[in-house]
Amino acid sequence: MSSGIHPGHTQLMGLSLACCLTVVLALAACGDADPEIPGGADPAEAMVIDEWATALREGDVDSAAQFFALPSVAQNGSVPFRIRDLADARLFNASLPCGAELTNATPEGGFVIATFTLTERPGPGDCGEGTGETAQTAFVIEDGEIVEWRRVVPADEPAPGSSV
């Protein structure tokens, strides 16, 4: 008694399975590709900035702190803050009231100027009226870590703490 499967059908089924597997693998590979951040910055540097911003936006101050080199410097429009250890990095990240979504990363001199859309974030921050606004930060990234983080203050906006 025959199994009802013709030898030609077996080959056709094998070919169909191979084609489906090829399509599935191709789609999976596309899903693994990092989204390209516009602006022309080095993709590896833009990825560090994006991953840092994602950690902070999700309220994970500990993970955000891990992106900072030791030592490094952060300047949020005021006196530079020296980050000497992980506790300093946590303190700086916790001080940021907003989360941020990276929308652009442009190389300029030795910096990457990152443009963000500000968001609320879990944790001690309260972005308030800043939510939805844009902000820029100048980064220096070395060996996959943030060495410098400096808020870019527009020329028409006084720096925090200034008397203007």
N, C-alpha and C. Protein backbone atom coordinates (compact mmCIF):
# COMPACT_ATOMS: atom_id res chain seq x y z
N MET A 1 0.84 -1.16 0.00
CA MET A 1 0.00 0.00 0.00
C MET A 1 0.89 1.23 0.00
N SER A 2 0.50 2.23 -0.75
CA SER A 2 1.29 3.44 -0.92
C SER A 2 0.96 4.43 0.19
N SER A 3 1.94 5.23 0.56
CA SER A 3 1.73 6.24 1.61
C SER A 3 0.94 7.42 1.07
N GLY A 4 0.73 7.51 -0.24
CA GLY A 4 -0.03 8.61 -0.82
C GLY A 4 0.83 9.82 -1.15
N ILE A 5 2.11 9.78 -0.87
CA ILE A 5 3.01 10.90 -1.16
C ILE A 5 3.86 10.50 -2.35
N HIS A 6 3.75 11.23 -3.39
CA HIS A 6 4.50 10.99 -4.62
C HIS A 6 5.91 11.53 -4.44
N PRO A 7 6.95 10.87 -4.93
CA PRO A 7 8.33 11.35 -4.78
C PRO A 7 8.52 12.78 -5.25
N GLY A 8 7.83 13.19 -6.28
CA GLY A 8 7.93 14.57 -6.77
C GLY A 8 7.39 15.56 -5.75
N HIS A 9 6.36 15.15 -5.03
CA HIS A 9 5.80 16.02 -3.98
C HIS A 9 6.78 16.22 -2.84
N THR A 10 7.52 15.18 -2.52
CA THR A 10 8.50 15.28 -1.45
C THR A 10 9.57 16.31 -1.79
N GLN A 11 10.03 16.29 -3.02
CA GLN A 11 11.04 17.27 -3.44
C GLN A 11 10.45 18.67 -3.40
N LEU A 12 9.21 18.82 -3.85
CA LEU A 12 8.54 20.12 -3.86
C LEU A 12 8.35 20.64 -2.43
N MET A 13 7.97 19.74 -1.53
CA MET A 13 7.80 20.15 -0.13
C MET A 13 9.13 20.58 0.47
N GLY A 14 10.21 19.87 0.14
CA GLY A 14 11.54 20.23 0.63
C GLY A 14 11.97 21.58 0.10
N LEU A 15 11.71 21.83 -1.17
CA LEU A 15 12.05 23.12 -1.77
C LEU A 15 11.24 24.24 -1.14
N SER A 16 9.97 24.00 -0.92
CA SER A 16 9.10 25.01 -0.28
C SER A 16 9.60 25.32 1.13
N LEU A 17 9.95 24.27 1.86
CA LEU A 17 10.46 24.46 3.21
C LEU A 17 11.75 25.27 3.21
N ALA A 18 12.65 24.97 2.26
CA ALA A 18 13.91 25.71 2.16
C ALA A 18 13.65 27.18 1.84
N CYS A 19 12.71 27.44 0.93
CA CYS A 19 12.38 28.84 0.59
C CYS A 19 11.80 29.58 1.80
N CYS A 20 10.90 28.92 2.50
CA CYS A 20 10.30 29.56 3.69
C CYS A 20 11.36 29.84 4.74
N LEU A 21 12.27 28.89 4.94
CA LEU A 21 13.33 29.06 5.93
C LEU A 21 14.23 30.23 5.53
N THR A 22 14.53 30.36 4.24
CA THR A 22 15.35 31.47 3.76
C THR A 22 14.67 32.81 4.04
N VAL A 23 13.37 32.89 3.78
CA VAL A 23 12.62 34.13 4.03
C VAL A 23 12.60 34.45 5.52
N VAL A 24 12.36 33.45 6.35
CA VAL A 24 12.33 33.67 7.80
C VAL A 24 13.69 34.17 8.30
N LEU A 25 14.78 33.56 7.84
CA LEU A 25 16.11 33.99 8.26
C LEU A 25 16.42 35.40 7.78
N ALA A 26 16.00 35.73 6.56
CA ALA A 26 16.24 37.08 6.04
C ALA A 26 15.47 38.11 6.85
N LEU A 27 14.23 37.80 7.20
CA LEU A 27 13.44 38.74 8.02
C LEU A 27 14.03 38.88 9.41
N ALA A 28 14.50 37.78 9.97
CA ALA A 28 15.11 37.85 11.30
C ALA A 28 16.37 38.70 11.26
N ALA A 29 17.15 38.58 10.22
CA ALA A 29 18.37 39.39 10.10
C ALA A 29 18.02 40.86 10.00
N CYS A 30 16.93 41.19 9.30
CA CYS A 30 16.51 42.59 9.20
C CYS A 30 16.11 43.12 10.56
N GLY A 31 15.47 42.28 11.37
CA GLY A 31 15.05 42.73 12.69
C GLY A 31 16.22 42.99 13.62
N ASP A 32 17.35 42.33 13.37
CA ASP A 32 18.51 42.50 14.23
C ASP A 32 19.29 43.77 13.90
N ALA A 33 19.05 44.35 12.74
CA ALA A 33 19.81 45.54 12.34
C ALA A 33 19.43 46.71 13.24
N ASP A 34 20.45 47.42 13.71
CA ASP A 34 20.19 48.59 14.53
C ASP A 34 19.61 49.69 13.67
N PRO A 35 18.60 50.40 14.19
CA PRO A 35 18.06 51.50 13.39
C PRO A 35 19.13 52.57 13.24
N GLU A 36 19.26 53.08 12.03
CA GLU A 36 20.26 54.11 11.79
C GLU A 36 19.74 55.45 12.28
N ILE A 37 20.55 56.11 13.09
CA ILE A 37 20.18 57.43 13.61
C ILE A 37 20.63 58.46 12.58
N PRO A 38 19.72 59.33 12.12
CA PRO A 38 20.12 60.34 11.14
C PRO A 38 21.15 61.32 11.71
N GLY A 39 21.91 61.95 10.83
CA GLY A 39 22.84 62.99 11.24
C GLY A 39 24.28 62.73 10.84
N GLY A 40 24.61 61.49 10.50
CA GLY A 40 25.95 61.20 10.00
C GLY A 40 27.00 60.85 11.04
N ALA A 41 26.63 60.72 12.30
CA ALA A 41 27.63 60.34 13.33
C ALA A 41 28.05 58.90 13.13
N ASP A 42 29.21 58.55 13.67
CA ASP A 42 29.68 57.18 13.65
C ASP A 42 28.59 56.30 14.27
N PRO A 43 28.14 55.26 13.57
CA PRO A 43 27.04 54.42 14.08
C PRO A 43 27.31 53.83 15.46
N ALA A 44 28.56 53.45 15.75
CA ALA A 44 28.88 52.87 17.06
C ALA A 44 28.72 53.92 18.16
N GLU A 45 29.14 55.16 17.88
CA GLU A 45 28.98 56.24 18.87
C GLU A 45 27.51 56.58 19.06
N ALA A 46 26.76 56.65 17.96
CA ALA A 46 25.32 56.93 18.05
C ALA A 46 24.62 55.84 18.84
N MET A 47 25.06 54.59 18.69
CA MET A 47 24.44 53.49 19.42
C MET A 47 24.68 53.62 20.92
N VAL A 48 25.89 54.03 21.33
CA VAL A 48 26.17 54.23 22.76
C VAL A 48 25.22 55.30 23.31
N ILE A 49 25.08 56.40 22.59
CA ILE A 49 24.21 57.49 23.04
C ILE A 49 22.76 57.02 23.11
N ASP A 50 22.32 56.29 22.10
CA ASP A 50 20.95 55.80 22.06
C ASP A 50 20.68 54.81 23.19
N GLU A 51 21.62 53.91 23.44
CA GLU A 51 21.43 52.93 24.52
C GLU A 51 21.44 53.61 25.89
N TRP A 52 22.30 54.63 26.07
CA TRP A 52 22.30 55.38 27.33
C TRP A 52 20.94 56.06 27.51
N ALA A 53 20.46 56.73 26.45
CA ALA A 53 19.18 57.45 26.54
C ALA A 53 18.03 56.48 26.82
N THR A 54 18.07 55.31 26.22
CA THR A 54 17.02 54.32 26.45
C THR A 54 17.02 53.87 27.90
N ALA A 55 18.19 53.59 28.45
CA ALA A 55 18.27 53.18 29.86
C ALA A 55 17.70 54.26 30.77
N LEU A 56 18.06 55.50 30.52
CA LEU A 56 17.57 56.59 31.36
C LEU A 56 16.06 56.77 31.18
N ARG A 57 15.58 56.71 29.94
CA ARG A 57 14.15 56.87 29.66
C ARG A 57 13.33 55.79 30.36
N GLU A 58 13.92 54.61 30.50
CA GLU A 58 13.24 53.51 31.19
C GLU A 58 13.38 53.59 32.71
N GLY A 59 14.10 54.61 33.19
CA GLY A 59 14.27 54.80 34.63
C GLY A 59 15.37 53.95 35.24
N ASP A 60 16.22 53.36 34.40
CA ASP A 60 17.29 52.48 34.89
C ASP A 60 18.57 53.30 35.07
N VAL A 61 18.64 54.05 36.16
CA VAL A 61 19.78 54.93 36.44
C VAL A 61 21.07 54.13 36.56
N ASP A 62 21.00 52.94 37.15
CA ASP A 62 22.22 52.12 37.29
C ASP A 62 22.80 51.75 35.92
N SER A 63 21.94 51.31 35.00
CA SER A 63 22.42 50.97 33.66
C SER A 63 22.93 52.20 32.93
N ALA A 64 22.22 53.33 33.05
CA ALA A 64 22.66 54.58 32.41
C ALA A 64 24.04 54.98 32.92
N ALA A 65 24.27 54.80 34.21
CA ALA A 65 25.56 55.16 34.82
C ALA A 65 26.70 54.32 34.24
N GLN A 66 26.41 53.08 33.86
CA GLN A 66 27.44 52.18 33.34
C GLN A 66 28.02 52.66 32.00
N PHE A 67 27.34 53.57 31.31
CA PHE A 67 27.83 54.07 30.02
C PHE A 67 28.93 55.12 30.18
N PHE A 68 29.15 55.61 31.40
CA PHE A 68 30.15 56.67 31.62
C PHE A 68 31.51 56.08 31.93
N ALA A 69 32.52 56.62 31.26
CA ALA A 69 33.91 56.24 31.53
C ALA A 69 34.28 56.78 32.92
N LEU A 70 35.22 56.12 33.55
CA LEU A 70 35.73 56.59 34.85
C LEU A 70 37.21 56.89 34.69
N PRO A 71 37.60 58.13 34.81
CA PRO A 71 36.79 59.33 35.08
C PRO A 71 36.17 59.87 33.78
N SER A 72 35.19 60.76 33.96
CA SER A 72 34.55 61.48 32.86
C SER A 72 34.02 62.79 33.43
N VAL A 73 33.38 63.57 32.54
CA VAL A 73 32.85 64.85 32.98
C VAL A 73 31.47 65.05 32.38
N ALA A 74 30.58 65.65 33.17
CA ALA A 74 29.24 65.99 32.71
C ALA A 74 28.99 67.45 33.05
N GLN A 75 28.35 68.15 32.14
CA GLN A 75 28.06 69.57 32.36
C GLN A 75 26.67 69.85 31.83
N ASN A 76 25.75 70.09 32.75
CA ASN A 76 24.36 70.34 32.38
C ASN A 76 24.08 71.84 32.39
N GLY A 77 24.88 72.60 31.64
CA GLY A 77 24.68 74.04 31.54
C GLY A 77 25.23 74.81 32.72
N SER A 78 25.96 74.17 33.58
CA SER A 78 26.51 74.82 34.76
C SER A 78 27.97 74.40 34.93
N VAL A 79 28.44 74.41 36.14
CA VAL A 79 29.82 74.00 36.43
C VAL A 79 29.99 72.52 36.09
N PRO A 80 31.09 72.14 35.45
CA PRO A 80 31.31 70.73 35.13
C PRO A 80 31.29 69.86 36.38
N PHE A 81 30.68 68.70 36.25
CA PHE A 81 30.60 67.71 37.33
C PHE A 81 31.59 66.60 37.00
N ARG A 82 32.55 66.38 37.87
CA ARG A 82 33.56 65.34 37.66
C ARG A 82 33.00 64.00 38.12
N ILE A 83 33.00 63.05 37.21
CA ILE A 83 32.54 61.70 37.53
C ILE A 83 33.78 60.85 37.76
N ARG A 84 34.01 60.53 39.02
CA ARG A 84 35.22 59.79 39.40
C ARG A 84 34.96 58.30 39.64
N ASP A 85 33.70 57.99 39.98
CA ASP A 85 33.36 56.60 40.26
C ASP A 85 31.91 56.35 39.88
N LEU A 86 31.49 55.12 40.02
CA LEU A 86 30.13 54.74 39.62
C LEU A 86 29.07 55.49 40.43
N ALA A 87 29.35 55.76 41.69
CA ALA A 87 28.40 56.52 42.52
C ALA A 87 28.18 57.91 41.94
N ASP A 88 29.25 58.57 41.47
CA ASP A 88 29.11 59.88 40.82
C ASP A 88 28.28 59.77 39.55
N ALA A 89 28.52 58.72 38.77
CA ALA A 89 27.76 58.53 37.53
C ALA A 89 26.28 58.32 37.82
N ARG A 90 25.99 57.55 38.88
CA ARG A 90 24.58 57.34 39.28
C ARG A 90 23.96 58.66 39.71
N LEU A 91 24.70 59.43 40.51
CA LEU A 91 24.20 60.72 41.00
C LEU A 91 23.88 61.65 39.84
N PHE A 92 24.78 61.75 38.87
CA PHE A 92 24.53 62.62 37.72
C PHE A 92 23.29 62.17 36.96
N ASN A 93 23.20 60.88 36.63
CA ASN A 93 22.06 60.39 35.87
C ASN A 93 20.74 60.56 36.63
N ALA A 94 20.77 60.35 37.93
CA ALA A 94 19.56 60.54 38.74
C ALA A 94 19.13 62.01 38.76
N SER A 95 20.09 62.93 38.57
CA SER A 95 19.76 64.36 38.61
C SER A 95 19.02 64.85 37.37
N LEU A 96 19.03 64.05 36.31
CA LEU A 96 18.37 64.47 35.07
C LEU A 96 16.87 64.23 35.20
N PRO A 97 16.06 65.27 35.11
CA PRO A 97 14.62 65.12 35.37
C PRO A 97 13.86 64.44 34.24
N CYS A 98 14.40 64.44 33.03
CA CYS A 98 13.68 63.91 31.87
C CYS A 98 14.36 62.67 31.33
N GLY A 99 13.58 61.85 30.68
CA GLY A 99 14.11 60.82 29.81
C GLY A 99 14.30 61.47 28.45
N ALA A 100 14.86 60.74 27.51
CA ALA A 100 15.09 61.33 26.19
C ALA A 100 15.11 60.25 25.13
N GLU A 101 14.62 60.61 23.96
CA GLU A 101 14.68 59.73 22.80
C GLU A 101 15.58 60.38 21.76
N LEU A 102 16.63 59.68 21.38
CA LEU A 102 17.59 60.21 20.41
C LEU A 102 16.94 60.30 19.03
N THR A 103 17.01 61.49 18.40
CA THR A 103 16.43 61.68 17.08
C THR A 103 17.47 62.03 16.02
N ASN A 104 18.66 62.49 16.44
CA ASN A 104 19.69 62.89 15.49
C ASN A 104 21.04 62.87 16.21
N ALA A 105 22.08 62.50 15.48
CA ALA A 105 23.44 62.49 16.03
C ALA A 105 24.38 62.98 14.93
N THR A 106 24.93 64.18 15.13
CA THR A 106 25.75 64.83 14.11
C THR A 106 27.17 65.03 14.62
N PRO A 107 28.17 64.59 13.84
CA PRO A 107 29.56 64.84 14.26
C PRO A 107 29.90 66.31 14.09
N GLU A 108 30.60 66.85 15.08
CA GLU A 108 31.04 68.25 15.00
C GLU A 108 32.33 68.38 15.80
N GLY A 109 33.44 68.57 15.09
CA GLY A 109 34.74 68.58 15.76
C GLY A 109 34.96 67.21 16.37
N GLY A 110 35.37 67.16 17.60
CA GLY A 110 35.57 65.90 18.30
C GLY A 110 34.33 65.43 19.04
N PHE A 111 33.20 66.12 18.84
CA PHE A 111 31.96 65.81 19.55
C PHE A 111 30.94 65.15 18.63
N VAL A 112 29.96 64.51 19.25
CA VAL A 112 28.74 64.12 18.57
C VAL A 112 27.64 64.95 19.21
N ILE A 113 26.99 65.78 18.41
CA ILE A 113 25.88 66.60 18.91
C ILE A 113 24.61 65.77 18.75
N ALA A 114 24.05 65.38 19.89
CA ALA A 114 22.86 64.54 19.91
C ALA A 114 21.64 65.41 20.16
N THR A 115 20.62 65.21 19.35
CA THR A 115 19.35 65.90 19.54
C THR A 115 18.35 64.88 20.07
N PHE A 116 17.65 65.28 21.13
CA PHE A 116 16.70 64.40 21.80
C PHE A 116 15.32 65.04 21.86
N THR A 117 14.31 64.20 21.89
CA THR A 117 12.97 64.61 22.29
C THR A 117 12.83 64.18 23.74
N LEU A 118 12.50 65.14 24.61
CA LEU A 118 12.42 64.85 26.05
C LEU A 118 11.13 64.11 26.38
N THR A 119 11.25 63.19 27.34
CA THR A 119 10.12 62.37 27.77
C THR A 119 10.07 62.33 29.30
N GLU A 120 8.95 61.91 29.83
CA GLU A 120 8.91 61.57 31.25
C GLU A 120 9.71 60.29 31.42
N ARG A 121 10.11 60.01 32.65
CA ARG A 121 10.79 58.75 32.93
C ARG A 121 10.45 58.31 34.34
N PRO A 122 10.47 57.00 34.58
CA PRO A 122 10.27 56.53 35.95
C PRO A 122 11.44 56.98 36.82
N GLY A 123 11.19 57.12 38.08
CA GLY A 123 12.25 57.47 39.02
C GLY A 123 12.09 58.88 39.55
N PRO A 124 13.20 59.46 39.99
CA PRO A 124 13.13 60.73 40.69
C PRO A 124 12.86 61.94 39.79
N GLY A 125 12.92 61.75 38.49
CA GLY A 125 12.75 62.89 37.57
C GLY A 125 11.32 63.33 37.45
N ASP A 126 11.14 64.58 37.04
CA ASP A 126 9.83 65.12 36.71
C ASP A 126 10.05 66.10 35.57
N CYS A 127 9.84 65.63 34.36
CA CYS A 127 10.13 66.43 33.18
C CYS A 127 9.14 67.59 33.03
N GLY A 128 7.90 67.37 33.47
CA GLY A 128 6.90 68.43 33.45
C GLY A 128 6.71 69.05 32.07
N GLU A 129 6.86 70.38 31.99
CA GLU A 129 6.64 71.10 30.74
C GLU A 129 7.71 70.80 29.69
N GLY A 130 8.80 70.19 30.10
CA GLY A 130 9.84 69.84 29.15
C GLY A 130 9.47 68.68 28.24
N THR A 131 8.48 67.88 28.66
CA THR A 131 8.08 66.72 27.87
C THR A 131 7.68 67.15 26.46
N GLY A 132 8.29 66.49 25.48
CA GLY A 132 8.00 66.79 24.07
C GLY A 132 8.92 67.84 23.47
N GLU A 133 9.64 68.57 24.31
CA GLU A 133 10.59 69.58 23.82
C GLU A 133 11.85 68.88 23.33
N THR A 134 12.69 69.63 22.61
CA THR A 134 13.97 69.06 22.18
C THR A 134 15.10 69.62 23.03
N ALA A 135 16.14 68.85 23.12
CA ALA A 135 17.36 69.27 23.83
C ALA A 135 18.54 68.68 23.09
N GLN A 136 19.69 69.32 23.24
CA GLN A 136 20.90 68.82 22.60
C GLN A 136 22.00 68.66 23.64
N THR A 137 22.80 67.64 23.41
CA THR A 137 23.95 67.36 24.26
C THR A 137 25.14 67.03 23.37
N ALA A 138 26.30 67.56 23.74
CA ALA A 138 27.55 67.25 23.03
C ALA A 138 28.23 66.11 23.78
N PHE A 139 28.51 65.04 23.08
CA PHE A 139 29.14 63.86 23.66
C PHE A 139 30.54 63.66 23.07
N VAL A 140 31.43 63.15 23.91
CA VAL A 140 32.67 62.54 23.43
C VAL A 140 32.58 61.09 23.86
N ILE A 141 32.67 60.20 22.87
CA ILE A 141 32.59 58.76 23.12
C ILE A 141 33.96 58.16 22.79
N GLU A 142 34.52 57.42 23.73
CA GLU A 142 35.78 56.72 23.50
C GLU A 142 35.65 55.29 24.00
N ASP A 143 36.06 54.36 23.20
CA ASP A 143 36.01 52.93 23.56
C ASP A 143 34.64 52.51 24.06
N GLY A 144 33.58 53.04 23.43
CA GLY A 144 32.21 52.66 23.77
C GLY A 144 31.69 53.26 25.06
N GLU A 145 32.37 54.29 25.60
CA GLU A 145 31.93 54.92 26.85
C GLU A 145 31.85 56.44 26.68
N ILE A 146 30.98 57.05 27.48
CA ILE A 146 30.83 58.49 27.48
C ILE A 146 31.95 59.11 28.31
N VAL A 147 32.78 59.91 27.65
CA VAL A 147 33.89 60.57 28.33
C VAL A 147 33.49 62.00 28.69
N GLU A 148 32.70 62.62 27.81
CA GLU A 148 32.17 63.96 28.08
C GLU A 148 30.70 64.00 27.71
N TRP A 149 29.91 64.65 28.56
CA TRP A 149 28.47 64.88 28.36
C TRP A 149 28.25 66.34 28.67
N ARG A 150 27.97 67.15 27.66
CA ARG A 150 27.80 68.59 27.87
C ARG A 150 26.52 69.07 27.20
N ARG A 151 25.64 69.61 28.02
CA ARG A 151 24.39 70.15 27.47
C ARG A 151 24.72 71.31 26.53
N VAL A 152 24.07 71.32 25.38
CA VAL A 152 24.23 72.41 24.43
C VAL A 152 23.13 73.41 24.73
N VAL A 153 23.54 74.60 25.15
CA VAL A 153 22.57 75.65 25.48
C VAL A 153 22.46 76.58 24.28
N PRO A 154 21.25 76.71 23.71
CA PRO A 154 21.08 77.62 22.58
C PRO A 154 21.53 79.04 22.94
N ALA A 155 22.05 79.76 21.95
CA ALA A 155 22.58 81.11 22.17
C ALA A 155 21.55 82.05 22.78
N ASP A 156 20.27 81.84 22.49
CA ASP A 156 19.24 82.74 22.99
C ASP A 156 18.67 82.30 24.35
N GLU A 157 19.24 81.25 24.94
CA GLU A 157 18.76 80.74 26.23
C GLU A 157 19.86 80.87 27.27
N PRO A 158 19.56 81.54 28.40
CA PRO A 158 20.60 81.64 29.45
C PRO A 158 20.88 80.29 30.07
N ALA A 159 22.11 80.07 30.43
CA ALA A 159 22.49 78.83 31.11
C ALA A 159 21.84 78.80 32.49
N PRO A 160 21.47 77.60 32.97
CA PRO A 160 20.90 77.51 34.32
C PRO A 160 21.85 78.14 35.34
N GLY A 161 21.28 78.88 36.25
CA GLY A 161 22.07 79.50 37.31
C GLY A 161 22.67 80.84 36.92
N SER A 162 22.49 81.25 35.66
CA SER A 162 23.04 82.55 35.26
C SER A 162 22.05 83.65 35.66
N SER A 163 22.52 84.86 35.74
CA SER A 163 21.66 85.96 36.18
C SER A 163 21.00 86.66 35.00
N VAL A 164 21.23 86.18 33.79
CA VAL A 164 20.65 86.83 32.60
C VAL A 164 19.19 86.45 32.47
